[in-house]
Amino acid sequence: MDSAYFDSSVFLAIFNGEPSGREIKQLLGEVRRDRNRICTSIITIQEVSVLSFTSGASPDTQDNYAKVNRLARIHGLSKDIALRAAELEAGMLERMRRMTKDQRKALSPRRKWDCFHIATAIEMRCRWLYSLDPGMLKCKDLTDPKYSINFLEPKPAKGKLGFDKSIRVE
């Protein structure tokens, strides 16, 4: 069994009824049909729950943990994930030093949170990381290729999701 990582933006699109939600639901069906596991981080719960608190809704009326848990395996934070996130961020900072000021400005200001998502995907041995966040998708170019994670927009493949099984996540 292989794993796909869904970041917060993917769940938000589903929960908020965004136009991309339909395609994401098709992708969910493909991932499950191909017997792959969907994973996410506990950080996703925080990110998808913010609106519940700012809109004045009672947190009890929107149990986002239960909603996400129905769709994905939720992984908590650990020492290994924190250290991997630090390693990823250090590598990104090193790569960013070689960029122009304009290139750096185009990157996500939420890099630290993105690193936690990527580190969780690595720890959960995910092959794909799905996101609607352009900043997260740009992290592909800043992430060490040794991790072999495919950063993708959540769109159905209209066929087998297969990938080269010889690729290993270290």
Protein backbone atom coordinates (compact mmCIF):
# COMPACT_ATOMS: atom_id res chain seq x y z
CA MET A 1 0.00 0.00 0.00
CA ASP A 2 1.26 3.45 -0.90
CA SER A 3 0.33 6.81 0.56
CA ALA A 4 -0.76 10.21 -0.70
CA TYR A 5 -0.50 13.31 1.51
CA PHE A 6 -3.26 15.93 1.38
CA ASP A 7 -2.42 19.31 2.85
CA SER A 8 -4.96 21.64 4.45
CA SER A 9 -5.89 23.42 1.23
CA VAL A 10 -7.28 20.19 -0.23
CA PHE A 11 -9.60 19.60 2.73
CA LEU A 12 -10.65 23.25 2.80
CA ALA A 13 -11.68 23.05 -0.85
CA ILE A 14 -13.91 20.06 -0.06
CA PHE A 15 -15.38 21.50 3.16
CA ASN A 16 -16.00 24.96 1.67
CA GLY A 17 -17.66 23.61 -1.48
CA GLU A 18 -15.07 25.21 -3.76
CA PRO A 19 -15.24 24.40 -7.50
CA SER A 20 -12.11 22.21 -7.24
CA GLY A 21 -13.88 20.07 -4.62
CA ARG A 22 -15.55 17.93 -7.29
CA GLU A 23 -12.21 16.97 -8.87
CA ILE A 24 -10.72 16.34 -5.44
CA LYS A 25 -13.54 13.92 -4.64
CA GLN A 26 -12.79 12.10 -7.90
CA LEU A 27 -9.12 11.97 -6.90
CA LEU A 28 -10.10 10.57 -3.47
CA GLY A 29 -11.98 7.81 -5.28
CA GLU A 30 -8.95 7.03 -7.45
CA VAL A 31 -6.58 6.94 -4.50
CA ARG A 32 -8.87 4.57 -2.62
CA ARG A 33 -9.63 2.43 -5.69
CA ASP A 34 -5.90 1.92 -6.20
CA ARG A 35 -5.71 0.87 -2.53
CA ASN A 36 -3.55 3.80 -1.49
CA ARG A 37 -3.77 5.48 1.89
CA ILE A 38 -4.52 9.19 2.33
CA CYS A 39 -2.51 10.91 5.05
CA THR A 40 -2.28 14.35 6.63
CA SER A 41 -0.85 16.10 9.67
CA ILE A 42 -2.49 17.21 12.88
CA ILE A 43 -1.47 20.68 11.67
CA THR A 44 -4.19 20.28 9.03
CA ILE A 45 -6.77 20.14 11.83
CA GLN A 46 -5.58 23.48 13.17
CA GLU A 47 -5.55 25.08 9.72
CA VAL A 48 -9.00 23.86 8.65
CA SER A 49 -10.53 24.80 12.01
CA VAL A 50 -9.53 28.47 12.15
CA LEU A 51 -12.66 29.60 10.31
CA SER A 52 -14.85 27.75 12.84
CA PHE A 53 -13.52 30.02 15.55
CA THR A 54 -13.36 33.30 13.62
CA SER A 55 -16.86 33.05 12.17
CA GLY A 56 -18.38 32.75 15.63
CA ALA A 57 -19.52 29.17 15.09
CA SER A 58 -19.24 26.85 18.04
CA PRO A 59 -16.32 24.41 17.64
CA ASP A 60 -18.73 21.65 18.63
CA THR A 61 -20.88 22.29 15.54
CA GLN A 62 -17.97 21.76 13.18
CA ASP A 63 -15.87 18.82 14.27
CA ASN A 64 -13.20 19.19 11.60
CA TYR A 65 -11.10 16.47 13.20
CA ALA A 66 -13.89 13.96 12.55
CA LYS A 67 -14.38 15.25 8.99
CA VAL A 68 -10.69 14.92 8.13
CA ASN A 69 -10.37 11.62 9.98
CA ARG A 70 -13.10 10.11 7.75
CA LEU A 71 -10.96 10.91 4.72
CA ALA A 72 -7.38 10.54 5.91
CA ARG A 73 -5.05 9.07 8.48
CA ILE A 74 -4.03 11.97 10.77
CA HIS A 75 -0.45 11.88 11.99
CA GLY A 76 0.67 13.78 15.08
CA LEU A 77 3.89 15.69 15.58
CA SER A 78 6.96 13.92 16.90
CA LYS A 79 10.63 14.58 17.51
CA ASP A 80 11.47 12.95 14.15
CA ILE A 81 9.01 15.16 12.28
CA ALA A 82 10.24 18.31 14.05
CA LEU A 83 13.86 17.49 13.22
CA ARG A 84 12.99 16.61 9.61
CA ALA A 85 11.08 19.91 9.28
CA ALA A 86 14.13 21.77 10.61
CA GLU A 87 16.37 19.90 8.14
CA LEU A 88 14.00 20.76 5.27
CA GLU A 89 13.83 24.41 6.25
CA ALA A 90 17.61 24.66 6.55
CA GLY A 91 17.95 23.15 3.07
CA MET A 92 15.36 25.56 1.70
CA LEU A 93 17.12 28.53 3.27
CA GLU A 94 20.39 27.39 1.68
CA ARG A 95 18.75 27.10 -1.75
CA MET A 96 17.03 30.47 -1.26
CA ARG A 97 20.39 32.19 -0.68
CA ARG A 98 21.20 31.45 -4.31
CA MET A 99 17.99 33.11 -5.54
CA THR A 100 17.34 36.69 -6.46
CA LYS A 101 15.34 38.89 -4.13
CA ASP A 102 12.33 38.69 -6.48
CA GLN A 103 12.50 34.88 -6.59
CA ARG A 104 12.57 34.73 -2.78
CA LYS A 105 9.63 37.13 -2.54
CA ALA A 106 7.52 34.78 -4.72
CA LEU A 107 7.92 31.95 -2.21
CA SER A 108 5.46 31.12 0.54
CA PRO A 109 5.82 33.17 3.72
CA ARG A 110 4.42 30.08 5.48
CA ARG A 111 7.55 28.05 4.76
CA LYS A 112 7.86 26.75 8.32
CA TRP A 113 4.34 25.22 8.30
CA ASP A 114 4.94 23.85 4.82
CA CYS A 115 8.07 22.14 6.15
CA PHE A 116 6.00 20.42 8.84
CA HIS A 117 3.56 19.16 6.19
CA ILE A 118 6.40 17.92 3.98
CA ALA A 119 8.21 16.33 6.95
CA THR A 120 5.02 14.50 7.94
CA ALA A 121 4.59 13.27 4.36
CA ILE A 122 8.18 11.99 4.42
CA GLU A 123 7.73 10.25 7.78
CA MET A 124 4.52 8.63 6.53
CA ARG A 125 6.35 7.50 3.38
CA CYS A 126 3.98 9.32 1.03
CA ARG A 127 4.68 9.23 -2.69
CA TRP A 128 2.50 12.21 -3.55
CA LEU A 129 1.83 15.49 -1.79
CA TYR A 130 -1.36 17.16 -3.03
CA SER A 131 -1.97 20.87 -2.51
CA LEU A 132 -3.90 23.79 -3.97
CA ASP A 133 -1.46 26.22 -2.34
CA PRO A 134 0.93 27.66 -4.95
CA GLY A 135 3.48 28.34 -2.18
CA MET A 136 3.44 24.70 -1.11
CA LEU A 137 3.75 23.53 -4.71
CA LYS A 138 6.81 25.78 -5.14
CA CYS A 139 8.43 23.95 -2.21
CA LYS A 140 9.08 21.12 -4.66
CA ASP A 141 11.94 23.12 -6.11
CA LEU A 142 13.32 23.81 -2.62
CA THR A 143 13.01 20.26 -1.26
CA ASP A 144 15.96 17.90 -1.57
CA PRO A 145 15.18 15.49 -4.43
CA LYS A 146 16.35 12.53 -2.33
CA TYR A 147 12.86 12.43 -0.78
CA SER A 148 11.19 11.58 -4.12
CA ILE A 149 7.85 13.16 -3.27
CA ASN A 150 5.73 14.31 -6.18
CA PHE A 151 4.11 17.69 -5.45
CA LEU A 152 0.82 17.81 -7.37
CA GLU A 153 -2.40 19.75 -7.68
CA PRO A 154 -5.30 17.53 -6.57
CA LYS A 155 -6.76 16.50 -9.90
CA PRO A 156 -7.96 13.05 -10.89
CA ALA A 157 -5.58 11.09 -13.11
CA LYS A 158 -8.44 9.39 -14.97
CA GLY A 159 -6.58 6.12 -14.64
CA LYS A 160 -4.09 4.29 -12.46
CA LEU A 161 -2.16 6.52 -10.11
CA GLY A 162 0.83 4.17 -10.39
CA PHE A 163 4.40 5.32 -10.08
CA ASP A 164 7.86 3.82 -10.27
CA LYS A 165 7.95 1.46 -7.29
CA SER A 166 11.76 1.54 -7.35
CA ILE A 167 11.71 5.10 -5.97
CA ARG A 168 12.41 5.06 -2.24
CA VAL A 169 11.65 7.66 0.37
CA GLU A 170 14.53 7.90 2.81
